[in-house]
Amino acid sequence: MIFSLFLSFLRLMWILPKMLWQFAGMKKAINKGKRKFKKSLVKNGIPKELAEDLANDYALLNEILNIKGILKVAKTYSWHTGHNIPRLSRDH
């Protein structure tokens, strides 16, 4: 049992850097898209302050892909059992 826990730990240590590298790449791509979106709005005549507000409003993935957002999702959803899944009302 201890050997299998040790192997699981080693596998996690092997996978974790790859996951963090991919996470950093996603953040970089999202930030690049946000900058280009804001730049194109300003280029098309939108005031800079309004363009910045619009870019921040449409940067939903940036809010989701932060540590606080990931921990919130992990806390409210049990990945293995499916318990604690928010129920949608039948009206939708």
Protein backbone atom coordinates (compact mmCIF):
# COMPACT_ATOMS: atom_id res chain seq x y z
CA MET A 1 0.00 0.00 0.00
CA ILE A 2 2.78 2.41 0.86
CA PHE A 3 4.52 1.58 -2.39
CA SER A 4 1.38 2.40 -4.42
CA LEU A 5 1.00 5.71 -2.54
CA PHE A 6 4.62 6.49 -3.29
CA LEU A 7 4.12 5.73 -6.99
CA SER A 8 1.00 7.89 -7.06
CA PHE A 9 2.94 10.72 -5.47
CA LEU A 10 5.73 10.36 -8.03
CA ARG A 11 3.19 10.38 -10.84
CA LEU A 12 1.65 13.56 -9.45
CA MET A 13 5.08 15.18 -9.28
CA TRP A 14 5.62 14.16 -12.92
CA ILE A 15 2.26 15.53 -14.10
CA LEU A 16 2.07 18.71 -11.99
CA PRO A 17 4.77 20.74 -13.83
CA LYS A 18 3.14 19.90 -17.17
CA MET A 19 -0.26 21.04 -15.90
CA LEU A 20 1.20 24.28 -14.53
CA TRP A 21 3.00 24.94 -17.82
CA GLN A 22 -0.25 24.45 -19.76
CA PHE A 23 -2.09 26.69 -17.30
CA ALA A 24 0.49 29.43 -17.82
CA GLY A 25 0.12 29.08 -21.59
CA MET A 26 -3.67 29.46 -21.37
CA LYS A 27 -3.31 32.60 -19.24
CA LYS A 28 -0.82 34.03 -21.73
CA ALA A 29 -3.15 33.39 -24.66
CA ILE A 30 -6.13 34.90 -22.83
CA ASN A 31 -4.18 38.03 -21.89
CA LYS A 32 -2.92 38.38 -25.47
CA GLY A 33 -6.46 38.12 -26.81
CA LYS A 34 -7.66 40.70 -24.29
CA ARG A 35 -4.92 43.15 -25.34
CA LYS A 36 -5.68 42.66 -29.05
CA PHE A 37 -9.42 43.10 -28.44
CA LYS A 38 -8.82 46.35 -26.56
CA LYS A 39 -6.40 47.58 -29.24
CA SER A 40 -8.90 46.87 -32.02
CA LEU A 41 -11.66 48.71 -30.12
CA VAL A 42 -9.45 51.78 -29.72
CA LYS A 43 -8.42 51.54 -33.39
CA ASN A 44 -12.10 51.58 -34.41
CA GLY A 45 -12.82 54.77 -32.50
CA ILE A 46 -13.96 53.58 -29.07
CA PRO A 47 -12.56 55.73 -26.23
CA LYS A 48 -9.67 54.09 -24.40
CA GLU A 49 -11.45 53.99 -21.00
CA LEU A 50 -14.55 52.37 -22.50
CA ALA A 51 -12.42 49.88 -24.45
CA GLU A 52 -10.62 48.90 -21.27
CA ASP A 53 -13.93 48.39 -19.44
CA LEU A 54 -15.32 46.30 -22.30
CA ALA A 55 -12.16 44.19 -22.47
CA ASN A 56 -12.38 43.54 -18.73
CA ASP A 57 -16.08 42.68 -18.94
CA TYR A 58 -15.53 40.14 -21.72
CA ALA A 59 -12.50 38.53 -20.07
CA LEU A 60 -14.54 35.85 -18.31
CA LEU A 61 -11.96 33.10 -18.78
CA ASN A 62 -9.39 35.26 -17.09
CA GLU A 63 -11.59 35.29 -13.97
CA ILE A 64 -12.19 31.55 -14.17
CA LEU A 65 -8.54 30.62 -14.69
CA ASN A 66 -7.19 32.11 -11.51
CA ILE A 67 -6.32 30.18 -8.39
CA LYS A 68 -9.32 31.51 -6.47
CA GLY A 69 -11.73 30.47 -9.24
CA ILE A 70 -10.23 27.00 -9.54
CA LEU A 71 -10.44 26.45 -5.79
CA LYS A 72 -14.06 27.62 -5.81
CA VAL A 73 -14.94 25.10 -8.51
CA ALA A 74 -13.05 22.34 -6.72
CA LYS A 75 -14.84 23.16 -3.48
CA THR A 76 -18.35 23.16 -4.95
CA TYR A 77 -17.99 20.11 -7.16
CA SER A 78 -16.91 16.64 -6.18
CA TRP A 79 -15.04 15.30 -9.20
CA HIS A 80 -15.36 11.61 -8.37
CA THR A 81 -18.82 11.14 -6.92
CA GLY A 82 -20.83 13.88 -8.56
CA HIS A 83 -22.18 15.09 -5.22
CA ASN A 84 -22.71 18.78 -4.50
CA ILE A 85 -23.55 19.56 -8.13
CA PRO A 86 -25.69 22.72 -8.27
CA ARG A 87 -29.18 21.80 -9.42
CA LEU A 88 -30.76 23.79 -12.22
CA SER A 89 -34.42 24.62 -11.90
CA ARG A 90 -36.81 23.00 -14.32
CA ASP A 91 -37.92 26.43 -15.61
CA HIS A 92 -34.76 26.83 -17.71
